[in-house]
Amino acid sequence: MRICFVQGNAGASGDMLLGALVDAGVPLQEMNKCVQELNLPDTRIRGERVVKKGISGMKVRVEYPKEDQHRHLHDIEEIINRSSLSVRVKKDAIEVFRSLAKAEAKVHNCSVNEIHFHEVGAIDAIVDIVGTCYGLEYLGIEEIFCSPLRVGYGEVTCAHGVLPIPAPATAELLKGVPCYAGEYRGEWVTPTGAALLTTLCKGWSEMPIISMETIGYGAGSADREVPNLLRLVVGTTSDLIDYGKEIEVLETTVDDMNPELFPYLGERLLEIPVLDYYLTSVMMKKGRIGNKLTVLVEPEKAKKAMEVIFQETSTLGVRRLKVNRACLEREVCPVEVYGEKIRVKVGLYSGKMVQAAPEYEDCKLAAKATGKPLKEIYDETIKIYREKETNN
């Protein structure tokens, strides 16, 4: 799978993303083809190589005639839909603008259709957003991931006056996204950059496992304490499914709880259901032997899992950690063992079987039905499965 990873330590803006894509391999003439498709008069993208704190990057500028108009969402959608760009580019670009419109509508307490874009409705913002979607398609990017974003702090002056950083619409867009202020003043994430990344990114974490092919640096306008460059890494990852899917790890340690209560805790967690849970014996302070409970759970079920943990254990606090996981592609292959059907869980990597395990509950039922030892059922199941695969 072809993916890209955006590093957010220098924040993000539309022109930085556009510049990073050009630096990563999208020719400027291709970007200008995209602009021509939008039928925007006398508009083009120019690029120049700049150096920020000793590191080279691509700075792009959109040249267009001065205008004095504010566009509504339907105006921008009409511009995009009139073009002959691909269905994917149109869809992605319109989704980004709709995300922007929803954020602005929430901030101004009005409907999406009433919103008239100021800075983000200008031609350069339209080119930044559509051009970014076009560049991702040109490079064959299937999925996008991004690290936590530096947003900065202080105040910014815009069409609505002087506002705190992040600006209200940017903050609305960044809900649920890992970000941090950092130690330097200024606006590091613009509404356009926030809308592009929050709409198009599949996952938010540090760099995933990736075989890097090309790296692009998109330069911002300001000279800052750290290199004002957005880094975009393009490469491939394996054929794992659910790659980059975010889950939560909940942990707590207890040394004052009756161990007879743990099985019921497990039952309640599985009813939610959590993905997995396990207990580890640990040495705690003052030399006490305790147990560390670890629960793997989907983010939307984390609150319920914590509720159960607080109700069913003696803990006073739970640690939360967001992580990404990668899973092998899975399939189930039934086999017959001593007249009993047993499912075999198979893990595939790049289409090849790398793991095979009999379903425990099926093996237990077969052992009871046949009177055979459970271990023998396991071994015979694997043997029959491998013979079946060899014959196929």
Protein backbone atom coordinates (compact mmCIF):
# COMPACT_ATOMS: atom_id res chain seq x y z
CA MET A 1 0.00 0.00 0.00
CA ARG A 2 1.31 3.45 -0.91
CA ILE A 3 1.03 5.93 1.95
CA CYS A 4 2.39 9.28 3.02
CA PHE A 5 3.28 10.59 6.45
CA VAL A 6 3.10 14.26 7.39
CA GLN A 7 5.27 15.51 10.25
CA GLY A 8 3.53 18.30 12.13
CA ASN A 9 6.34 19.76 14.26
CA ALA A 10 6.31 22.90 12.05
CA GLY A 11 2.52 23.04 11.92
CA ALA A 12 0.65 22.91 8.62
CA SER A 13 -0.81 25.19 5.98
CA GLY A 14 -2.20 24.70 2.50
CA ASP A 15 0.83 26.16 0.73
CA MET A 16 3.22 24.07 2.84
CA LEU A 17 1.37 20.87 1.90
CA LEU A 18 1.36 21.91 -1.74
CA GLY A 19 5.08 22.70 -1.65
CA ALA A 20 5.89 19.37 0.04
CA LEU A 21 4.02 17.47 -2.67
CA VAL A 22 5.94 19.32 -5.40
CA ASP A 23 9.20 18.60 -3.59
CA ALA A 24 8.17 14.93 -3.24
CA GLY A 25 7.74 14.47 -6.97
CA VAL A 26 4.68 16.24 -8.38
CA PRO A 27 5.98 18.42 -11.27
CA LEU A 28 4.95 22.06 -11.18
CA GLN A 29 3.56 21.73 -14.69
CA GLU A 30 1.23 19.00 -13.39
CA MET A 31 0.06 21.26 -10.59
CA ASN A 32 -0.60 23.99 -13.13
CA LYS A 33 -2.64 21.53 -15.21
CA CYS A 34 -4.86 21.19 -12.15
CA VAL A 35 -5.16 24.98 -11.93
CA GLN A 36 -6.11 25.18 -15.61
CA GLU A 37 -8.86 22.62 -15.03
CA LEU A 38 -10.39 24.96 -12.43
CA ASN A 39 -10.78 27.69 -15.08
CA LEU A 40 -9.53 30.40 -12.74
CA PRO A 41 -8.43 33.36 -14.91
CA ASP A 42 -4.75 34.33 -14.96
CA THR A 43 -3.90 31.96 -12.13
CA ARG A 44 -0.78 29.83 -11.85
CA ILE A 45 1.52 28.22 -9.30
CA ARG A 46 5.15 29.22 -9.08
CA GLY A 47 7.77 27.46 -6.99
CA GLU A 48 11.22 28.33 -5.75
CA ARG A 49 13.75 26.48 -3.64
CA VAL A 50 14.41 28.15 -0.30
CA VAL A 51 16.54 27.33 2.73
CA LYS A 52 15.13 27.35 6.25
CA LYS A 53 17.68 26.97 9.06
CA GLY A 54 20.03 25.24 6.66
CA ILE A 55 17.44 22.82 5.24
CA SER A 56 16.21 23.10 1.66
CA GLY A 57 12.52 23.11 0.85
CA MET A 58 10.02 24.11 -1.83
CA LYS A 59 8.13 27.37 -1.43
CA VAL A 60 5.09 27.68 -3.71
CA ARG A 61 3.08 30.80 -4.45
CA VAL A 62 -0.24 31.11 -6.21
CA GLU A 63 -0.32 34.07 -8.56
CA TYR A 64 -3.76 35.47 -9.38
CA PRO A 65 -5.45 38.80 -10.09
CA LYS A 66 -6.48 40.85 -7.10
CA GLU A 67 -10.13 40.27 -6.24
CA ASP A 68 -12.61 41.63 -3.75
CA GLN A 69 -15.23 38.96 -3.21
CA HIS A 70 -16.22 36.40 -0.63
CA ARG A 71 -17.42 33.02 -1.84
CA HIS A 72 -20.03 30.75 -0.33
CA LEU A 73 -19.66 26.99 -0.19
CA HIS A 74 -21.90 26.48 -3.24
CA ASP A 75 -19.71 28.90 -5.24
CA ILE A 76 -16.60 26.86 -4.50
CA GLU A 77 -18.35 23.55 -5.15
CA GLU A 78 -19.48 24.90 -8.51
CA ILE A 79 -15.90 25.83 -9.45
CA ILE A 80 -14.68 22.35 -8.54
CA ASN A 81 -17.57 20.44 -10.13
CA ARG A 82 -17.27 22.38 -13.40
CA SER A 83 -13.70 21.15 -13.83
CA SER A 84 -12.75 17.90 -15.54
CA LEU A 85 -10.65 16.75 -12.60
CA SER A 86 -11.05 13.15 -11.42
CA VAL A 87 -13.96 12.07 -9.24
CA ARG A 88 -11.60 11.42 -6.33
CA VAL A 89 -9.99 14.87 -6.48
CA LYS A 90 -13.39 16.59 -6.69
CA LYS A 91 -14.81 14.54 -3.84
CA ASP A 92 -11.81 15.07 -1.54
CA ALA A 93 -11.57 18.80 -2.24
CA ILE A 94 -15.28 19.38 -1.68
CA GLU A 95 -15.13 17.38 1.56
CA VAL A 96 -12.31 19.62 2.78
CA PHE A 97 -14.33 22.76 2.05
CA ARG A 98 -17.39 21.25 3.70
CA SER A 99 -15.32 20.57 6.82
CA LEU A 100 -14.24 24.20 6.77
CA ALA A 101 -17.82 25.36 6.31
CA LYS A 102 -19.06 23.23 9.23
CA ALA A 103 -16.35 24.62 11.49
CA GLU A 104 -17.11 28.23 10.49
CA ALA A 105 -20.84 27.65 10.89
CA LYS A 106 -20.32 26.31 14.41
CA VAL A 107 -18.16 29.28 15.34
CA HIS A 108 -20.60 31.86 13.91
CA ASN A 109 -23.79 30.02 14.94
CA CYS A 110 -25.29 29.92 11.47
CA SER A 111 -25.98 27.37 8.74
CA VAL A 112 -23.34 25.96 6.42
CA ASN A 113 -24.99 27.63 3.43
CA GLU A 114 -24.83 31.06 5.08
CA ILE A 115 -21.08 30.94 5.57
CA HIS A 116 -19.13 33.22 3.27
CA PHE A 117 -15.44 32.35 3.28
CA HIS A 118 -12.93 35.12 3.77
CA GLU A 119 -9.29 34.12 3.43
CA VAL A 120 -10.07 30.47 2.72
CA GLY A 121 -12.43 31.41 -0.11
CA ALA A 122 -9.73 33.28 -1.99
CA ILE A 123 -8.27 31.80 -5.15
CA ASP A 124 -4.96 30.85 -3.51
CA ALA A 125 -6.77 28.82 -0.83
CA ILE A 126 -8.89 27.08 -3.49
CA VAL A 127 -5.72 26.19 -5.41
CA ASP A 128 -3.98 25.01 -2.22
CA ILE A 129 -6.81 22.63 -1.34
CA VAL A 130 -7.61 21.30 -4.80
CA GLY A 131 -3.90 21.15 -5.69
CA THR A 132 -3.11 19.12 -2.56
CA CYS A 133 -5.86 16.61 -3.41
CA TYR A 134 -4.57 16.47 -7.00
CA GLY A 135 -0.97 15.94 -5.87
CA LEU A 136 -1.92 13.09 -3.54
CA GLU A 137 -3.69 11.36 -6.40
CA TYR A 138 -0.78 12.01 -8.78
CA LEU A 139 1.63 10.29 -6.36
CA GLY A 140 -0.77 7.37 -5.95
CA ILE A 141 -1.24 7.95 -2.22
CA GLU A 142 -3.86 5.60 -0.80
CA GLU A 143 -3.74 6.65 2.86
CA ILE A 144 -2.35 9.60 4.81
CA PHE A 145 -1.02 9.67 8.36
CA CYS A 146 0.11 12.64 10.44
CA SER A 147 2.01 13.22 13.67
CA PRO A 148 0.65 15.50 16.42
CA LEU A 149 0.49 19.12 15.23
CA ARG A 150 2.26 22.12 16.71
CA VAL A 151 -0.41 24.87 16.79
CA GLY A 152 1.54 27.67 18.51
CA TYR A 153 0.08 30.28 20.85
CA GLY A 154 -0.61 34.00 21.09
CA GLU A 155 -2.93 35.99 18.82
CA VAL A 156 -3.58 36.26 15.09
CA THR A 157 -5.11 39.10 13.08
CA CYS A 158 -7.68 38.08 10.46
CA ALA A 159 -10.90 39.30 8.82
CA HIS A 160 -12.73 38.87 12.14
CA GLY A 161 -10.18 40.92 14.09
CA VAL A 162 -7.58 39.80 16.63
CA LEU A 163 -8.24 36.22 17.74
CA PRO A 164 -6.46 33.74 20.01
CA ILE A 165 -4.34 30.95 18.53
CA PRO A 166 -5.47 28.52 17.33
CA ALA A 167 -8.13 30.59 15.59
CA PRO A 168 -11.72 29.50 16.42
CA ALA A 169 -12.34 27.65 13.14
CA THR A 170 -8.94 25.94 13.37
CA ALA A 171 -9.64 24.86 16.94
CA GLU A 172 -13.03 23.50 15.88
CA LEU A 173 -11.41 21.48 13.08
CA LEU A 174 -8.75 20.09 15.42
CA LYS A 175 -11.22 18.57 17.88
CA GLY A 176 -10.15 15.02 18.64
CA VAL A 177 -6.76 15.50 16.96
CA PRO A 178 -3.50 15.26 18.96
CA CYS A 179 -1.86 18.70 18.99
CA TYR A 180 0.24 20.89 21.25
CA ALA A 181 1.09 24.60 21.62
CA GLY A 182 4.86 24.23 21.64
CA GLU A 183 7.24 26.80 23.06
CA TYR A 184 7.12 29.34 20.21
CA ARG A 185 4.54 32.05 19.54
CA GLY A 186 2.62 32.41 16.31
CA GLU A 187 0.00 30.65 14.21
CA TRP A 188 1.54 27.35 13.14
CA VAL A 189 -1.61 25.65 11.82
CA THR A 190 -3.91 27.57 9.48
CA PRO A 191 -7.60 26.76 8.90
CA THR A 192 -6.72 25.45 5.42
CA GLY A 193 -3.98 23.18 6.75
CA ALA A 194 -6.24 21.93 9.55
CA ALA A 195 -9.11 21.23 7.16
CA LEU A 196 -6.92 19.31 4.72
CA LEU A 197 -5.29 17.10 7.34
CA THR A 198 -8.32 16.43 9.54
CA THR A 199 -10.43 15.56 6.49
CA LEU A 200 -7.92 13.41 4.61
CA CYS A 201 -5.81 11.75 7.31
CA LYS A 202 -6.61 8.23 8.38
CA GLY A 203 -4.52 8.15 11.54
CA TRP A 204 -2.58 10.39 13.93
CA SER A 205 0.62 9.07 15.47
CA GLU A 206 4.35 9.21 15.13
CA MET A 207 5.83 7.77 11.93
CA PRO A 208 4.30 4.41 11.03
CA ILE A 209 6.28 1.51 9.59
CA ILE A 210 7.07 2.70 6.08
CA SER A 211 9.61 1.93 3.35
CA MET A 212 10.53 5.49 2.41
CA GLU A 213 10.76 6.35 -1.28
CA THR A 214 10.65 10.15 -1.54
CA ILE A 215 10.65 12.98 0.97
CA GLY A 216 9.31 16.46 0.32
CA TYR A 217 9.75 19.67 2.32
CA GLY A 218 7.12 22.41 1.95
CA ALA A 219 8.23 25.82 3.17
CA GLY A 220 6.12 28.34 5.01
CA SER A 221 6.57 32.09 4.64
CA ALA A 222 7.85 33.00 8.10
CA ASP A 223 11.36 32.50 9.45
CA ARG A 224 11.02 30.80 12.80
CA GLU A 225 13.02 29.31 15.64
CA VAL A 226 12.72 25.85 14.08
CA PRO A 227 12.90 25.15 10.32
CA ASN A 228 9.54 26.29 8.96
CA LEU A 229 9.21 23.20 6.78
CA LEU A 230 6.45 20.62 6.60
CA ARG A 231 8.00 17.23 5.86
CA LEU A 232 6.01 14.73 3.81
CA VAL A 233 7.32 11.17 3.52
CA VAL A 234 6.04 9.00 0.67
CA GLY A 235 6.52 5.25 0.68
CA THR A 236 4.92 1.87 0.97
CA THR A 237 3.77 -0.30 3.79
CA SER A 238 2.93 -4.00 3.86
CA ASP A 239 -0.43 -5.51 3.02
CA LEU A 240 -1.44 -5.52 6.67
CA ILE A 241 -5.04 -4.63 7.26
CA ASP A 242 -6.14 -2.10 9.88
CA TYR A 243 -2.69 -0.53 9.57
CA GLY A 244 -2.64 2.73 11.45
CA LYS A 245 -5.94 2.02 13.19
CA GLU A 246 -5.81 3.76 16.52
CA ILE A 247 -6.72 1.97 19.72
CA GLU A 248 -6.38 2.86 23.38
CA VAL A 249 -4.36 1.03 26.01
CA LEU A 250 -5.76 1.39 29.53
CA GLU A 251 -3.53 0.40 32.43
CA THR A 252 -3.76 0.34 36.19
CA THR A 253 -1.95 -1.46 39.01
CA VAL A 254 -3.58 -2.69 42.23
CA ASP A 255 -2.15 -4.38 45.30
CA ASP A 256 -5.15 -4.35 47.62
CA MET A 257 -7.76 -6.31 45.68
CA ASN A 258 -9.10 -9.81 46.23
CA PRO A 259 -7.83 -11.85 43.23
CA GLU A 260 -11.09 -13.82 43.20
CA LEU A 261 -12.74 -10.71 41.73
CA PHE A 262 -10.58 -10.55 38.58
CA PRO A 263 -12.48 -13.19 36.55
CA TYR A 264 -15.74 -11.23 36.90
CA LEU A 265 -13.91 -8.04 35.89
CA GLY A 266 -12.77 -9.88 32.75
CA GLU A 267 -16.31 -10.98 31.97
CA ARG A 268 -17.60 -7.42 32.19
CA LEU A 269 -14.81 -6.10 29.98
CA LEU A 270 -15.52 -8.72 27.33
CA GLU A 271 -19.21 -7.76 27.38
CA ILE A 272 -18.33 -4.22 26.18
CA PRO A 273 -16.45 -5.76 24.25
CA VAL A 274 -12.81 -4.75 24.61
CA LEU A 275 -10.26 -6.07 22.11
CA ASP A 276 -8.23 -7.84 24.80
CA TYR A 277 -7.20 -7.65 28.43
CA TYR A 278 -4.55 -9.30 30.55
CA LEU A 279 -3.03 -9.24 34.04
CA THR A 280 0.67 -9.11 34.86
CA SER A 281 2.16 -9.77 38.27
CA VAL A 282 4.30 -6.80 39.36
CA MET A 283 6.34 -5.66 42.34
CA MET A 284 4.89 -2.40 43.63
CA LYS A 285 6.14 0.19 46.12
CA LYS A 286 7.02 -0.93 49.63
CA GLY A 287 7.73 -4.40 48.24
CA ARG A 288 4.09 -5.29 47.68
CA ILE A 289 3.11 -7.86 45.07
CA GLY A 290 0.34 -6.52 42.85
CA ASN A 291 -1.29 -6.94 39.47
CA LYS A 292 -1.11 -4.68 36.44
CA LEU A 293 -4.32 -4.71 34.40
CA THR A 294 -3.89 -3.88 30.72
CA VAL A 295 -6.93 -3.37 28.49
CA LEU A 296 -6.86 -2.88 24.71
CA VAL A 297 -9.99 -1.11 23.51
CA GLU A 298 -11.34 0.88 20.57
CA PRO A 299 -11.37 4.63 21.35
CA GLU A 300 -15.14 4.93 21.27
CA LYS A 301 -15.44 2.21 23.94
CA ALA A 302 -12.66 3.50 26.23
CA LYS A 303 -15.02 5.49 28.45
CA LYS A 304 -17.20 2.43 29.13
CA ALA A 305 -14.12 0.29 29.80
CA MET A 306 -12.83 2.82 32.35
CA GLU A 307 -16.22 2.87 34.03
CA VAL A 308 -16.06 -0.91 34.48
CA ILE A 309 -12.47 -0.73 35.75
CA PHE A 310 -13.38 1.87 38.37
CA GLN A 311 -16.48 -0.07 39.42
CA GLU A 312 -14.88 -3.52 39.63
CA THR A 313 -11.36 -2.79 40.94
CA SER A 314 -9.88 -0.86 43.86
CA THR A 315 -7.87 1.51 41.67
CA LEU A 316 -8.00 5.29 41.98
CA GLY A 317 -6.62 6.04 38.52
CA VAL A 318 -6.21 4.66 35.01
CA ARG A 319 -3.41 5.45 32.57
CA ARG A 320 -4.49 6.04 28.95
CA LEU A 321 -2.29 5.71 25.90
CA LYS A 322 -3.27 5.99 22.24
CA VAL A 323 -1.38 3.62 19.95
CA ASN A 324 -1.59 2.32 16.42
CA ARG A 325 -1.75 -1.37 15.66
CA ALA A 326 -1.21 -3.50 12.58
CA CYS A 327 -3.09 -6.74 12.01
CA LEU A 328 -2.53 -9.53 9.58
CA GLU A 329 -5.29 -10.14 7.08
CA ARG A 330 -7.46 -12.87 8.55
CA GLU A 331 -9.65 -15.65 7.30
CA VAL A 332 -11.30 -18.69 8.85
CA CYS A 333 -10.84 -22.18 7.40
CA PRO A 334 -13.02 -24.99 8.81
CA VAL A 335 -11.60 -28.53 8.97
CA GLU A 336 -13.06 -31.83 10.20
CA VAL A 337 -11.24 -33.61 13.04
CA TYR A 338 -12.51 -36.96 14.34
CA GLY A 339 -15.90 -36.10 12.86
CA GLU A 340 -16.06 -32.68 14.54
CA LYS A 341 -15.86 -29.33 12.72
CA ILE A 342 -13.14 -27.02 13.99
CA ARG A 343 -12.42 -23.54 12.72
CA VAL A 344 -8.81 -22.56 12.05
CA LYS A 345 -7.92 -18.86 12.29
CA VAL A 346 -5.44 -18.01 9.54
CA GLY A 347 -3.21 -14.92 9.39
CA LEU A 348 -2.06 -13.81 5.92
CA TYR A 349 0.86 -11.53 5.05
CA SER A 350 0.98 -10.36 1.44
CA GLY A 351 -1.47 -13.15 0.62
CA LYS A 352 0.64 -15.88 2.23
CA MET A 353 -0.24 -17.82 5.35
CA VAL A 354 2.10 -17.01 8.24
CA GLN A 355 -0.08 -17.95 11.23
CA ALA A 356 -2.65 -20.68 11.79
CA ALA A 357 -4.36 -21.49 15.09
CA PRO A 358 -7.36 -23.69 15.92
CA GLU A 359 -10.31 -22.01 17.60
CA TYR A 360 -10.04 -22.92 21.27
CA GLU A 361 -13.77 -23.25 21.96
CA ASP A 362 -14.20 -25.59 18.96
CA CYS A 363 -11.30 -27.74 20.14
CA LYS A 364 -12.71 -27.91 23.65
CA LEU A 365 -16.10 -29.07 22.37
CA ALA A 366 -14.43 -31.64 20.11
CA ALA A 367 -12.36 -32.95 23.01
CA LYS A 368 -15.46 -33.41 25.13
CA ALA A 369 -17.39 -35.03 22.29
CA THR A 370 -14.64 -37.49 21.32
CA GLY A 371 -12.98 -38.09 24.68
CA LYS A 372 -9.63 -37.22 23.11
CA PRO A 373 -7.09 -35.02 24.95
CA LEU A 374 -7.35 -31.34 24.07
CA LYS A 375 -3.69 -31.24 23.04
CA GLU A 376 -4.25 -34.08 20.57
CA ILE A 377 -7.21 -32.22 19.06
CA TYR A 378 -5.01 -29.15 18.60
CA ASP A 379 -2.19 -31.08 16.96
CA GLU A 380 -4.50 -33.05 14.67
CA THR A 381 -6.33 -29.89 13.62
CA ILE A 382 -3.11 -28.18 12.54
CA LYS A 383 -1.94 -31.33 10.74
CA ILE A 384 -5.19 -31.65 8.78
CA TYR A 385 -5.22 -27.96 7.94
CA ARG A 386 -1.65 -28.03 6.60
CA GLU A 387 -2.41 -31.15 4.50
CA LYS A 388 -5.48 -29.39 3.10
CA GLU A 389 -3.42 -26.32 2.18
CA THR A 390 -0.72 -28.45 0.54
CA ASN A 391 -3.28 -30.26 -1.62
CA ASN A 392 -4.83 -26.95 -2.68
